[in-house]
Amino acid sequence: MAAVGLNEDHNDKLLKQIEYYFGDVNLPQDKFFQDEMKKDQGWISVDKLLTCKRIKKLKSDKDAIAAALKNSTICEISADGTKIRRNPAIPVPEYNHEFLKNLHDRTVYIVKWISF
């Protein structure tokens, strides 16, 4: 039973990381992913994704990525399981002054005061 829980935890971590890469905050600023997406109608090869440092750290493979993306609302995987992309129905926000202002307005900063 513990192995199932470990797989679910691994899938959750993997999904969270992939959705971060393709999410509204990261994708508009991420030149690497933007350049890769331009090559094939928004698709990025799973092999290319597996070269990302944080995905490597999760010790993932193509099957794990496909399993994790079954629960994604942001990303989709190709029928043959070799490519992923952001859901075309969810447009990527434009990285401009309005985007940055909106991001700033939604950001909370926590400061720890140290008194001497």
PDB file of N, CA and C in Angstrom:
ATOM      1  N   MET A   1       0.802  -1.205   0.000  1.00  0.00           N
ATOM      2  CA  MET A   1       0.000   0.000   0.000  1.00  0.00           C
ATOM      3  C   MET A   1       0.846   1.271   0.000  1.00  0.00           C
ATOM      4  N   ALA A   2       1.980   1.257   0.662  1.00  0.00           N
ATOM      5  CA  ALA A   2       2.821   2.450   0.739  1.00  0.00           C
ATOM      6  C   ALA A   2       3.305   2.883  -0.635  1.00  0.00           C
ATOM      7  N   ALA A   3       3.544   1.926  -1.529  1.00  0.00           N
ATOM      8  CA  ALA A   3       4.031   2.272  -2.864  1.00  0.00           C
ATOM      9  C   ALA A   3       3.005   3.094  -3.639  1.00  0.00           C
ATOM     10  N   VAL A   4       1.728   2.798  -3.462  1.00  0.00           N
ATOM     11  CA  VAL A   4       0.692   3.572  -4.141  1.00  0.00           C
ATOM     12  C   VAL A   4       0.726   5.012  -3.664  1.00  0.00           C
ATOM     13  N   GLY A   5       0.814   5.222  -2.379  1.00  0.00           N
ATOM     14  CA  GLY A   5       0.903   6.568  -1.820  1.00  0.00           C
ATOM     15  C   GLY A   5       2.124   7.311  -2.328  1.00  0.00           C
ATOM     16  N   LEU A   6       3.241   6.601  -2.424  1.00  0.00           N
ATOM     17  CA  LEU A   6       4.464   7.218  -2.940  1.00  0.00           C
ATOM     18  C   LEU A   6       4.275   7.622  -4.392  1.00  0.00           C
ATOM     19  N   ASN A   7       3.625   6.767  -5.192  1.00  0.00           N
ATOM     20  CA  ASN A   7       3.385   7.106  -6.591  1.00  0.00           C
ATOM     21  C   ASN A   7       2.470   8.320  -6.715  1.00  0.00           C
ATOM     22  N   GLU A   8       1.429   8.378  -5.885  1.00  0.00           N
ATOM     23  CA  GLU A   8       0.516   9.523  -5.916  1.00  0.00           C
ATOM     24  C   GLU A   8       1.242  10.801  -5.523  1.00  0.00           C
ATOM     25  N   ASP A   9       2.084  10.726  -4.501  1.00  0.00           N
ATOM     26  CA  ASP A   9       2.859  11.882  -4.070  1.00  0.00           C
ATOM     27  C   ASP A   9       3.813  12.320  -5.178  1.00  0.00           C
ATOM     28  N   HIS A  10       4.464  11.366  -5.810  1.00  0.00           N
ATOM     29  CA  HIS A  10       5.384  11.669  -6.910  1.00  0.00           C
ATOM     30  C   HIS A  10       4.630  12.314  -8.071  1.00  0.00           C
ATOM     31  N   ASN A  11       3.480  11.748  -8.431  1.00  0.00           N
ATOM     32  CA  ASN A  11       2.670  12.317  -9.512  1.00  0.00           C
ATOM     33  C   ASN A  11       2.225  13.735  -9.187  1.00  0.00           C
ATOM     34  N   ASP A  12       1.840  13.970  -7.928  1.00  0.00           N
ATOM     35  CA  ASP A  12       1.416  15.310  -7.514  1.00  0.00           C
ATOM     36  C   ASP A  12       2.560  16.311  -7.650  1.00  0.00           C
ATOM     37  N   LYS A  13       3.744  15.921  -7.203  1.00  0.00           N
ATOM     38  CA  LYS A  13       4.914  16.807  -7.310  1.00  0.00           C
ATOM     39  C   LYS A  13       5.265  17.071  -8.764  1.00  0.00           C
ATOM     40  N   LEU A  14       5.211  16.036  -9.571  1.00  0.00           N
ATOM     41  CA  LEU A  14       5.528  16.165 -10.991  1.00  0.00           C
ATOM     42  C   LEU A  14       4.509  17.053 -11.696  1.00  0.00           C
ATOM     43  N   LEU A  15       3.228  16.832 -11.420  1.00  0.00           N
ATOM     44  CA  LEU A  15       2.182  17.659 -12.008  1.00  0.00           C
ATOM     45  C   LEU A  15       2.344  19.117 -11.598  1.00  0.00           C
ATOM     46  N   LYS A  16       2.610  19.340 -10.342  1.00  0.00           N
ATOM     47  CA  LYS A  16       2.782  20.708  -9.844  1.00  0.00           C
ATOM     48  C   LYS A  16       3.941  21.408 -10.570  1.00  0.00           C
ATOM     49  N   GLN A  17       5.051  20.702 -10.765  1.00  0.00           N
ATOM     50  CA  GLN A  17       6.203  21.301 -11.429  1.00  0.00           C
ATOM     51  C   GLN A  17       5.915  21.583 -12.900  1.00  0.00           C
ATOM     52  N   ILE A  18       5.305  20.642 -13.601  1.00  0.00           N
ATOM     53  CA  ILE A  18       5.002  20.840 -15.019  1.00  0.00           C
ATOM     54  C   ILE A  18       3.984  21.967 -15.191  1.00  0.00           C
ATOM     55  N   GLU A  19       2.971  22.000 -14.342  1.00  0.00           N
ATOM     56  CA  GLU A  19       1.988  23.074 -14.435  1.00  0.00           C
ATOM     57  C   GLU A  19       2.607  24.422 -14.081  1.00  0.00           C
ATOM     58  N   TYR A  20       3.614  24.429 -13.237  1.00  0.00           N
ATOM     59  CA  TYR A  20       4.334  25.679 -12.977  1.00  0.00           C
ATOM     60  C   TYR A  20       5.025  26.144 -14.260  1.00  0.00           C
ATOM     61  N   TYR A  21       5.753  25.230 -14.926  1.00  0.00           N
ATOM     62  CA  TYR A  21       6.453  25.585 -16.163  1.00  0.00           C
ATOM     63  C   TYR A  21       5.498  26.181 -17.193  1.00  0.00           C
ATOM     64  N   PHE A  22       4.298  25.615 -17.312  1.00  0.00           N
ATOM     65  CA  PHE A  22       3.336  26.049 -18.319  1.00  0.00           C
ATOM     66  C   PHE A  22       2.304  27.032 -17.776  1.00  0.00           C
ATOM     67  N   GLY A  23       2.474  27.463 -16.539  1.00  0.00           N
ATOM     68  CA  GLY A  23       1.506  28.334 -15.882  1.00  0.00           C
ATOM     69  C   GLY A  23       1.625  29.800 -16.250  1.00  0.00           C
ATOM     70  N   ASP A  24       0.643  30.575 -15.787  1.00  0.00           N
ATOM     71  CA  ASP A  24       0.541  31.997 -16.109  1.00  0.00           C
ATOM     72  C   ASP A  24       1.712  32.830 -15.603  1.00  0.00           C
ATOM     73  N   VAL A  25       2.323  32.453 -14.505  1.00  0.00           N
ATOM     74  CA  VAL A  25       3.411  33.252 -13.942  1.00  0.00           C
ATOM     75  C   VAL A  25       4.731  32.963 -14.653  1.00  0.00           C
ATOM     76  N   ASN A  26       5.027  31.694 -14.900  1.00  0.00           N
ATOM     77  CA  ASN A  26       6.317  31.341 -15.490  1.00  0.00           C
ATOM     78  C   ASN A  26       6.360  31.480 -17.009  1.00  0.00           C
ATOM     79  N   LEU A  27       5.377  30.936 -17.696  1.00  0.00           N
ATOM     80  CA  LEU A  27       5.452  30.818 -19.154  1.00  0.00           C
ATOM     81  C   LEU A  27       5.632  32.148 -19.887  1.00  0.00           C
ATOM     82  N   PRO A  28       4.954  33.222 -19.500  1.00  0.00           N
ATOM     83  CA  PRO A  28       5.152  34.476 -20.230  1.00  0.00           C
ATOM     84  C   PRO A  28       6.589  35.016 -20.159  1.00  0.00           C
ATOM     85  N   GLN A  29       7.362  34.574 -19.168  1.00  0.00           N
ATOM     86  CA  GLN A  29       8.719  35.068 -18.991  1.00  0.00           C
ATOM     87  C   GLN A  29       9.793  34.056 -19.395  1.00  0.00           C
ATOM     88  N   ASP A  30       9.397  32.823 -19.663  1.00  0.00           N
ATOM     89  CA  ASP A  30      10.349  31.734 -19.865  1.00  0.00           C
ATOM     90  C   ASP A  30      10.717  31.606 -21.335  1.00  0.00           C
ATOM     91  N   LYS A  31      11.864  32.183 -21.693  1.00  0.00           N
ATOM     92  CA  LYS A  31      12.311  32.198 -23.090  1.00  0.00           C
ATOM     93  C   LYS A  31      12.557  30.788 -23.614  1.00  0.00           C
ATOM     94  N   PHE A  32      13.128  29.907 -22.788  1.00  0.00           N
ATOM     95  CA  PHE A  32      13.406  28.541 -23.219  1.00  0.00           C
ATOM     96  C   PHE A  32      12.130  27.839 -23.669  1.00  0.00           C
ATOM     97  N   PHE A  33      11.098  27.850 -22.817  1.00  0.00           N
ATOM     98  CA  PHE A  33       9.848  27.186 -23.158  1.00  0.00           C
ATOM     99  C   PHE A  33       9.149  27.876 -24.326  1.00  0.00           C
ATOM    100  N   GLN A  34       9.177  29.191 -24.375  1.00  0.00           N
ATOM    101  CA  GLN A  34       8.552  29.903 -25.484  1.00  0.00           C
ATOM    102  C   GLN A  34       9.202  29.521 -26.809  1.00  0.00           C
ATOM    103  N   ASP A  35      10.540  29.470 -26.826  1.00  0.00           N
ATOM    104  CA  ASP A  35      11.258  29.096 -28.053  1.00  0.00           C
ATOM    105  C   ASP A  35      10.934  27.667 -28.471  1.00  0.00           C
ATOM    106  N   GLU A  36      10.873  26.765 -27.508  1.00  0.00           N
ATOM    107  CA  GLU A  36      10.543  25.367 -27.811  1.00  0.00           C
ATOM    108  C   GLU A  36       9.118  25.245 -28.343  1.00  0.00           C
ATOM    109  N   MET A  37       8.189  26.006 -27.776  1.00  0.00           N
ATOM    110  CA  MET A  37       6.791  25.930 -28.182  1.00  0.00           C
ATOM    111  C   MET A  37       6.582  26.451 -29.604  1.00  0.00           C
ATOM    112  N   LYS A  38       7.427  27.366 -30.048  1.00  0.00           N
ATOM    113  CA  LYS A  38       7.306  27.922 -31.400  1.00  0.00           C
ATOM    114  C   LYS A  38       7.665  26.893 -32.472  1.00  0.00           C
ATOM    115  N   LYS A  39       8.394  25.872 -32.114  1.00  0.00           N
ATOM    116  CA  LYS A  39       8.882  24.893 -33.085  1.00  0.00           C
ATOM    117  C   LYS A  39       7.801  23.931 -33.570  1.00  0.00           C
ATOM    118  N   ASP A  40       6.781  23.659 -32.745  1.00  0.00           N
ATOM    119  CA  ASP A  40       5.830  22.610 -33.092  1.00  0.00           C
ATOM    120  C   ASP A  40       4.419  22.918 -32.560  1.00  0.00           C
ATOM    121  N   GLN A  41       3.871  24.046 -32.964  1.00  0.00           N
ATOM    122  CA  GLN A  41       2.497  24.420 -32.624  1.00  0.00           C
ATOM    123  C   GLN A  41       2.193  24.308 -31.128  1.00  0.00           C
ATOM    124  N   GLY A  42       3.144  24.716 -30.311  1.00  0.00           N
ATOM    125  CA  GLY A  42       2.945  24.715 -28.862  1.00  0.00           C
ATOM    126  C   GLY A  42       3.414  23.455 -28.160  1.00  0.00           C
ATOM    127  N   TRP A  43       3.730  22.427 -28.918  1.00  0.00           N
ATOM    128  CA  TRP A  43       4.174  21.164 -28.319  1.00  0.00           C
ATOM    129  C   TRP A  43       5.648  21.232 -27.951  1.00  0.00           C
ATOM    130  N   ILE A  44       5.986  20.583 -26.835  1.00  0.00           N
ATOM    131  CA  ILE A  44       7.375  20.404 -26.400  1.00  0.00           C
ATOM    132  C   ILE A  44       7.568  18.914 -26.186  1.00  0.00           C
ATOM    133  N   SER A  45       8.681  18.394 -26.667  1.00  0.00           N
ATOM    134  CA  SER A  45       8.895  16.950 -26.507  1.00  0.00           C
ATOM    135  C   SER A  45       9.098  16.619 -25.030  1.00  0.00           C
ATOM    136  N   VAL A  46       8.590  15.478 -24.647  1.00  0.00           N
ATOM    137  CA  VAL A  46       8.760  15.001 -23.275  1.00  0.00           C
ATOM    138  C   VAL A  46      10.253  14.821 -22.996  1.00  0.00           C
ATOM    139  N   ASP A  47      11.018  14.390 -24.003  1.00  0.00           N
ATOM    140  CA  ASP A  47      12.469  14.240 -23.834  1.00  0.00           C
ATOM    141  C   ASP A  47      13.109  15.570 -23.440  1.00  0.00           C
ATOM    142  N   LYS A  48      12.669  16.658 -24.055  1.00  0.00           N
ATOM    143  CA  LYS A  48      13.190  17.992 -23.722  1.00  0.00           C
ATOM    144  C   LYS A  48      12.807  18.361 -22.290  1.00  0.00           C
ATOM    145  N   LEU A  49      11.581  18.051 -21.907  1.00  0.00           N
ATOM    146  CA  LEU A  49      11.123  18.330 -20.545  1.00  0.00           C
ATOM    147  C   LEU A  49      11.949  17.549 -19.522  1.00  0.00           C
ATOM    148  N   LEU A  50      12.311  16.326 -19.869  1.00  0.00           N
ATOM    149  CA  LEU A  50      13.098  15.488 -18.960  1.00  0.00           C
ATOM    150  C   LEU A  50      14.504  16.030 -18.722  1.00  0.00           C
ATOM    151  N   THR A  51      14.941  16.988 -19.530  1.00  0.00           N
ATOM    152  CA  THR A  51      16.261  17.598 -19.322  1.00  0.00           C
ATOM    153  C   THR A  51      16.216  18.741 -18.303  1.00  0.00           C
ATOM    154  N   CYS A  52      15.010  19.166 -17.916  1.00  0.00           N
ATOM    155  CA  CYS A  52      14.869  20.257 -16.949  1.00  0.00           C
ATOM    156  C   CYS A  52      15.331  19.790 -15.567  1.00  0.00           C
ATOM    157  N   LYS A  53      16.071  20.641 -14.907  1.00  0.00           N
ATOM    158  CA  LYS A  53      16.687  20.312 -13.617  1.00  0.00           C
ATOM    159  C   LYS A  53      15.691  19.784 -12.582  1.00  0.00           C
ATOM    160  N   ARG A  54      14.580  20.457 -12.433  1.00  0.00           N
ATOM    161  CA  ARG A  54      13.619  20.048 -11.390  1.00  0.00           C
ATOM    162  C   ARG A  54      12.878  18.771 -11.743  1.00  0.00           C
ATOM    163  N   ILE A  55      12.720  18.508 -13.020  1.00  0.00           N
ATOM    164  CA  ILE A  55      12.103  17.246 -13.438  1.00  0.00           C
ATOM    165  C   ILE A  55      13.103  16.112 -13.212  1.00  0.00           C
ATOM    166  N   LYS A  56      14.367  16.373 -13.524  1.00  0.00           N
ATOM    167  CA  LYS A  56      15.411  15.367 -13.261  1.00  0.00           C
ATOM    168  C   LYS A  56      15.461  15.017 -11.785  1.00  0.00           C
ATOM    169  N   LYS A  57      15.356  16.035 -10.940  1.00  0.00           N
ATOM    170  CA  LYS A  57      15.411  15.834  -9.496  1.00  0.00           C
ATOM    171  C   LYS A  57      14.290  14.901  -9.014  1.00  0.00           C
ATOM    172  N   LEU A  58      13.171  14.919  -9.710  1.00  0.00           N
ATOM    173  CA  LEU A  58      12.048  14.057  -9.350  1.00  0.00           C
ATOM    174  C   LEU A  58      12.205  12.639  -9.903  1.00  0.00           C
ATOM    175  N   LYS A  59      13.309  12.404 -10.615  1.00  0.00           N
ATOM    176  CA  LYS A  59      13.614  11.073 -11.168  1.00  0.00           C
ATOM    177  C   LYS A  59      12.412  10.517 -11.943  1.00  0.00           C
ATOM    178  N   SER A  60      11.992  11.282 -12.930  1.00  0.00           N
ATOM    179  CA  SER A  60      10.811  10.938 -13.701  1.00  0.00           C
ATOM    180  C   SER A  60      11.172  10.341 -15.046  1.00  0.00           C
ATOM    181  N   ASP A  61      10.181   9.738 -15.663  1.00  0.00           N
ATOM    182  CA  ASP A  61      10.325   9.222 -17.016  1.00  0.00           C
ATOM    183  C   ASP A  61       9.050   9.556 -17.794  1.00  0.00           C
ATOM    184  N   LYS A  62       9.010   9.143 -19.058  1.00  0.00           N
ATOM    185  CA  LYS A  62       7.858   9.464 -19.909  1.00  0.00           C
ATOM    186  C   LYS A  62       6.544   8.934 -19.344  1.00  0.00           C
ATOM    187  N   ASP A  63       6.573   7.725 -18.810  1.00  0.00           N
ATOM    188  CA  ASP A  63       5.344   7.134 -18.267  1.00  0.00           C
ATOM    189  C   ASP A  63       4.847   7.914 -17.055  1.00  0.00           C
ATOM    190  N   ALA A  64       5.778   8.355 -16.200  1.00  0.00           N
ATOM    191  CA  ALA A  64       5.396   9.129 -15.013  1.00  0.00           C
ATOM    192  C   ALA A  64       4.782  10.463 -15.415  1.00  0.00           C
ATOM    193  N   ILE A  65       5.358  11.100 -16.433  1.00  0.00           N
ATOM    194  CA  ILE A  65       4.818  12.374 -16.906  1.00  0.00           C
ATOM    195  C   ILE A  65       3.419  12.183 -17.472  1.00  0.00           C
ATOM    196  N   ALA A  66       3.244  11.142 -18.279  1.00  0.00           N
ATOM    197  CA  ALA A  66       1.917  10.864 -18.845  1.00  0.00           C
ATOM    198  C   ALA A  66       0.896  10.600 -17.739  1.00  0.00           C
ATOM    199  N   ALA A  67       1.282   9.844 -16.727  1.00  0.00           N
ATOM    200  CA  ALA A  67       0.375   9.545 -15.613  1.00  0.00           C
ATOM    201  C   ALA A  67       0.026  10.816 -14.843  1.00  0.00           C
ATOM    202  N   ALA A  68       1.016  11.656 -14.597  1.00  0.00           N
ATOM    203  CA  ALA A  68       0.771  12.892 -13.846  1.00  0.00           C
ATOM    204  C   ALA A  68      -0.142  13.845 -14.607  1.00  0.00           C
ATOM    205  N   LEU A  69       0.037  13.926 -15.919  1.00  0.00           N
ATOM    206  CA  LEU A  69      -0.726  14.887 -16.712  1.00  0.00           C
ATOM    207  C   LEU A  69      -2.180  14.483 -16.936  1.00  0.00           C
ATOM    208  N   LYS A  70      -2.551  13.281 -16.536  1.00  0.00           N
ATOM    209  CA  LYS A  70      -3.957  12.867 -16.651  1.00  0.00           C
ATOM    210  C   LYS A  70      -4.853  13.766 -15.809  1.00  0.00           C
ATOM    211  N   ASN A  71      -4.295  14.373 -14.753  1.00  0.00           N
ATOM    212  CA  ASN A  71      -5.071  15.228 -13.848  1.00  0.00           C
ATOM    213  C   ASN A  71      -4.855  16.717 -14.092  1.00  0.00           C
ATOM    214  N   SER A  72      -4.208  17.065 -15.203  1.00  0.00           N
ATOM    215  CA  SER A  72      -3.891  18.460 -15.452  1.00  0.00           C
ATOM    216  C   SER A  72      -5.046  19.209 -16.098  1.00  0.00           C
ATOM    217  N   THR A  73      -5.236  20.439 -15.659  1.00  0.00           N
ATOM    218  CA  THR A  73      -6.199  21.328 -16.302  1.00  0.00           C
ATOM    219  C   THR A  73      -5.491  22.315 -17.216  1.00  0.00           C
ATOM    220  N   ILE A  74      -4.168  22.415 -17.078  1.00  0.00           N
ATOM    221  CA  ILE A  74      -3.390  23.390 -17.843  1.00  0.00           C
ATOM    222  C   ILE A  74      -2.707  22.754 -19.052  1.00  0.00           C
ATOM    223  N   CYS A  75      -2.232  21.523 -18.899  1.00  0.00           N
ATOM    224  CA  CYS A  75      -1.436  20.870 -19.939  1.00  0.00           C
ATOM    225  C   CYS A  75      -2.145  19.664 -20.514  1.00  0.00           C
ATOM    226  N   GLU A  76      -1.703  19.304 -21.708  1.00  0.00           N
ATOM    227  CA  GLU A  76      -2.189  18.081 -22.324  1.00  0.00           C
ATOM    228  C   GLU A  76      -1.016  17.337 -22.940  1.00  0.00           C
ATOM    229  N   ILE A  77      -1.155  16.039 -23.056  1.00  0.00           N
ATOM    230  CA  ILE A  77      -0.112  15.199 -23.629  1.00  0.00           C
ATOM    231  C   ILE A  77      -0.626  14.647 -24.952  1.00  0.00           C
ATOM    232  N   SER A  78       0.278  14.502 -25.909  1.00  0.00           N
ATOM    233  CA  SER A  78      -0.116  13.990 -27.222  1.00  0.00           C
ATOM    234  C   SER A  78      -0.595  12.544 -27.111  1.00  0.00           C
ATOM    235  N   ALA A  79      -1.331  12.103 -28.107  1.00  0.00           N
ATOM    236  CA  ALA A  79      -1.889  10.749 -28.100  1.00  0.00           C
ATOM    237  C   ALA A  79      -0.803   9.681 -27.991  1.00  0.00           C
ATOM    238  N   ASP A  80       0.365   9.949 -28.585  1.00  0.00           N
ATOM    239  CA  ASP A  80       1.453   8.963 -28.524  1.00  0.00           C
ATOM    240  C   ASP A  80       2.338   9.132 -27.283  1.00  0.00           C
ATOM    241  N   GLY A  81       2.033  10.142 -26.454  1.00  0.00           N
ATOM    242  CA  GLY A  81       2.761  10.336 -25.200  1.00  0.00           C
ATOM    243  C   GLY A  81       4.162  10.904 -25.334  1.00  0.00           C
ATOM    244  N   THR A  82       4.475  11.495 -26.499  1.00  0.00           N
ATOM    245  CA  THR A  82       5.841  12.000 -26.703  1.00  0.00           C
ATOM    246  C   THR A  82       5.964  13.510 -26.566  1.00  0.00           C
ATOM    247  N   LYS A  83       4.819  14.228 -26.536  1.00  0.00           N
ATOM    248  CA  LYS A  83       4.868  15.689 -26.478  1.00  0.00           C
ATOM    249  C   LYS A  83       3.801  16.212 -25.514  1.00  0.00           C
ATOM    250  N   ILE A  84       4.104  17.368 -24.926  1.00  0.00           N
ATOM    251  CA  ILE A  84       3.114  18.046 -24.082  1.00  0.00           C
ATOM    252  C   ILE A  84       3.015  19.501 -24.497  1.00  0.00           C
ATOM    253  N   ARG A  85       1.890  20.109 -24.160  1.00  0.00           N
ATOM    254  CA  ARG A  85       1.704  21.535 -24.429  1.00  0.00           C
ATOM    255  C   ARG A  85       0.687  22.098 -23.450  1.00  0.00           C
ATOM    256  N   ARG A  86       0.669  23.410 -23.391  1.00  0.00           N
ATOM    257  CA  ARG A  86      -0.360  24.099 -22.617  1.00  0.00           C
ATOM    258  C   ARG A  86      -1.672  23.945 -23.381  1.00  0.00           C
ATOM    259  N   ASN A  87      -2.743  23.775 -22.662  1.00  0.00           N
ATOM    260  CA  ASN A  87      -4.052  23.634 -23.288  1.00  0.00           C
ATOM    261  C   ASN A  87      -4.313  24.858 -24.165  1.00  0.00           C
ATOM    262  N   PRO A  88      -4.528  24.664 -25.480  1.00  0.00           N
ATOM    263  CA  PRO A  88      -4.740  25.810 -26.376  1.00  0.00           C
ATOM    264  C   PRO A  88      -5.973  26.645 -26.024  1.00  0.00           C
ATOM    265  N   ALA A  89      -6.905  26.086 -25.276  1.00  0.00           N
ATOM    266  CA  ALA A  89      -8.092  26.840 -24.863  1.00  0.00           C
ATOM    267  C   ALA A  89      -7.780  27.852 -23.762  1.00  0.00           C
ATOM    268  N   ILE A  90      -6.574  27.742 -23.178  1.00  0.00           N
ATOM    269  CA  ILE A  90      -6.152  28.665 -22.119  1.00  0.00           C
ATOM    270  C   ILE A  90      -5.014  29.521 -22.672  1.00  0.00           C
ATOM    271  N   PRO A  91      -5.314  30.717 -23.162  1.00  0.00           N
ATOM    272  CA  PRO A  91      -4.263  31.542 -23.763  1.00  0.00           C
ATOM    273  C   PRO A  91      -3.194  31.960 -22.747  1.00  0.00           C
ATOM    274  N   VAL A  92      -1.973  32.082 -23.249  1.00  0.00           N
ATOM    275  CA  VAL A  92      -0.863  32.531 -22.405  1.00  0.00           C
ATOM    276  C   VAL A  92      -0.996  34.041 -22.225  1.00  0.00           C
ATOM    277  N   PRO A  93      -0.946  34.520 -20.986  1.00  0.00           N
ATOM    278  CA  PRO A  93      -1.048  35.971 -20.789  1.00  0.00           C
ATOM    279  C   PRO A  93       0.139  36.692 -21.434  1.00  0.00           C
ATOM    280  N   GLU A  94      -0.132  37.876 -21.923  1.00  0.00           N
ATOM    281  CA  GLU A  94       0.929  38.680 -22.523  1.00  0.00           C
ATOM    282  C   GLU A  94       1.779  39.288 -21.406  1.00  0.00           C
ATOM    283  N   TYR A  95       3.088  39.193 -21.561  1.00  0.00           N
ATOM    284  CA  TYR A  95       4.015  39.720 -20.564  1.00  0.00           C
ATOM    285  C   TYR A  95       4.213  41.206 -20.830  1.00  0.00           C
ATOM    286  N   ASN A  96       3.431  42.035 -20.135  1.00  0.00           N
ATOM    287  CA  ASN A  96       3.497  43.477 -20.334  1.00  0.00           C
ATOM    288  C   ASN A  96       3.272  44.190 -18.994  1.00  0.00           C
ATOM    289  N   HIS A  97       3.146  45.494 -19.046  1.00  0.00           N
ATOM    290  CA  HIS A  97       2.980  46.283 -17.823  1.00  0.00           C
ATOM    291  C   HIS A  97       1.732  45.858 -17.044  1.00  0.00           C
ATOM    292  N   GLU A  98       0.641  45.632 -17.732  1.00  0.00           N
ATOM    293  CA  GLU A  98      -0.604  45.230 -17.067  1.00  0.00           C
ATOM    294  C   GLU A  98      -0.443  43.872 -16.371  1.00  0.00           C
ATOM    295  N   PHE A  99       0.213  42.932 -17.039  1.00  0.00           N
ATOM    296  CA  PHE A  99       0.472  41.620 -16.444  1.00  0.00           C
ATOM    297  C   PHE A  99       1.309  41.766 -15.178  1.00  0.00           C
ATOM    298  N   LEU A 100       2.382  42.553 -15.263  1.00  0.00           N
ATOM    299  CA  LEU A 100       3.263  42.744 -14.100  1.00  0.00           C
ATOM    300  C   LEU A 100       2.543  43.439 -12.955  1.00  0.00           C
ATOM    301  N   LYS A 101       1.707  44.423 -13.275  1.00  0.00           N
ATOM    302  CA  LYS A 101       0.950  45.111 -12.228  1.00  0.00           C
ATOM    303  C   LYS A 101      -0.021  44.137 -11.549  1.00  0.00           C
ATOM    304  N   ASN A 102      -0.713  43.340 -12.339  1.00  0.00           N
ATOM    305  CA  ASN A 102      -1.647  42.357 -11.789  1.00  0.00           C
ATOM    306  C   ASN A 102      -0.907  41.348 -10.915  1.00  0.00           C
ATOM    307  N   LEU A 103       0.240  40.898 -11.385  1.00  0.00           N
ATOM    308  CA  LEU A 103       1.049  39.962 -10.603  1.00  0.00           C
ATOM    309  C   LEU A 103       1.486  40.603  -9.285  1.00  0.00           C
ATOM    310  N   HIS A 104       1.941  41.831  -9.357  1.00  0.00           N
ATOM    311  CA  HIS A 104       2.363  42.554  -8.147  1.00  0.00           C
ATOM    312  C   HIS A 104       1.202  42.723  -7.176  1.00  0.00           C
ATOM    313  N   ASP A 105       0.029  43.051  -7.690  1.00  0.00           N
ATOM    314  CA  ASP A 105      -1.148  43.258  -6.834  1.00  0.00           C
ATOM    315  C   ASP A 105      -1.572  41.977  -6.116  1.00  0.00           C
ATOM    316  N   ARG A 106      -1.255  40.802  -6.706  1.00  0.00           N
ATOM    317  CA  ARG A 106      -1.639  39.524  -6.109  1.00  0.00           C
ATOM    318  C   ARG A 106      -0.530  38.915  -5.259  1.00  0.00           C
ATOM    319  N   THR A 107       0.602  39.604  -5.137  1.00  0.00           N
ATOM    320  CA  THR A 107       1.749  39.065  -4.407  1.00  0.00           C
ATOM    321  C   THR A 107       1.743  39.552  -2.966  1.00  0.00           C
ATOM    322  N   VAL A 108       2.002  38.631  -2.071  1.00  0.00           N
ATOM    323  CA  VAL A 108       2.089  38.955  -0.653  1.00  0.00           C
ATOM    324  C   VAL A 108       3.548  38.766  -0.230  1.00  0.00           C
ATOM    325  N   TYR A 109       4.088  39.750   0.441  1.00  0.00           N
ATOM    326  CA  TYR A 109       5.456  39.671   0.943  1.00  0.00           C
ATOM    327  C   TYR A 109       5.414  39.514   2.453  1.00  0.00           C
ATOM    328  N   ILE A 110       6.206  38.610   2.958  1.00  0.00           N
ATOM    329  CA  ILE A 110       6.287  38.383   4.398  1.00  0.00           C
ATOM    330  C   ILE A 110       7.686  38.789   4.837  1.00  0.00           C
ATOM    331  N   VAL A 111       7.728  39.667   5.797  1.00  0.00           N
ATOM    332  CA  VAL A 111       9.005  40.165   6.298  1.00  0.00           C
ATOM    333  C   VAL A 111       9.128  39.781   7.766  1.00  0.00           C
ATOM    334  N   LYS A 112      10.248  39.216   8.095  1.00  0.00           N
ATOM    335  CA  LYS A 112      10.510  38.865   9.485  1.00  0.00           C
ATOM    336  C   LYS A 112      11.406  39.945  10.080  1.00  0.00           C
ATOM    337  N   TRP A 113      10.888  40.591  11.102  1.00  0.00           N
ATOM    338  CA  TRP A 113      11.658  41.655  11.747  1.00  0.00           C
ATOM    339  C   TRP A 113      12.516  41.053  12.854  1.00  0.00           C
ATOM    340  N   ILE A 114      13.726  41.487  12.863  1.00  0.00           N
ATOM    341  CA  ILE A 114      14.654  41.051  13.910  1.00  0.00           C
ATOM    342  C   ILE A 114      15.026  42.279  14.727  1.00  0.00           C
ATOM    343  N   SER A 115      14.781  42.209  16.014  1.00  0.00           N
ATOM    344  CA  SER A 115      15.162  43.349  16.851  1.00  0.00           C
ATOM    345  C   SER A 115      16.392  42.969  17.670  1.00  0.00           C
ATOM    346  N   PHE A 116      17.220  43.924  17.851  1.00  0.00           N
ATOM    347  CA  PHE A 116      18.471  43.700  18.613  1.00  0.00           C
ATOM    348  C   PHE A 116      18.411  44.325  19.958  1.00  0.00           C
TER     349      PHE A 116
END
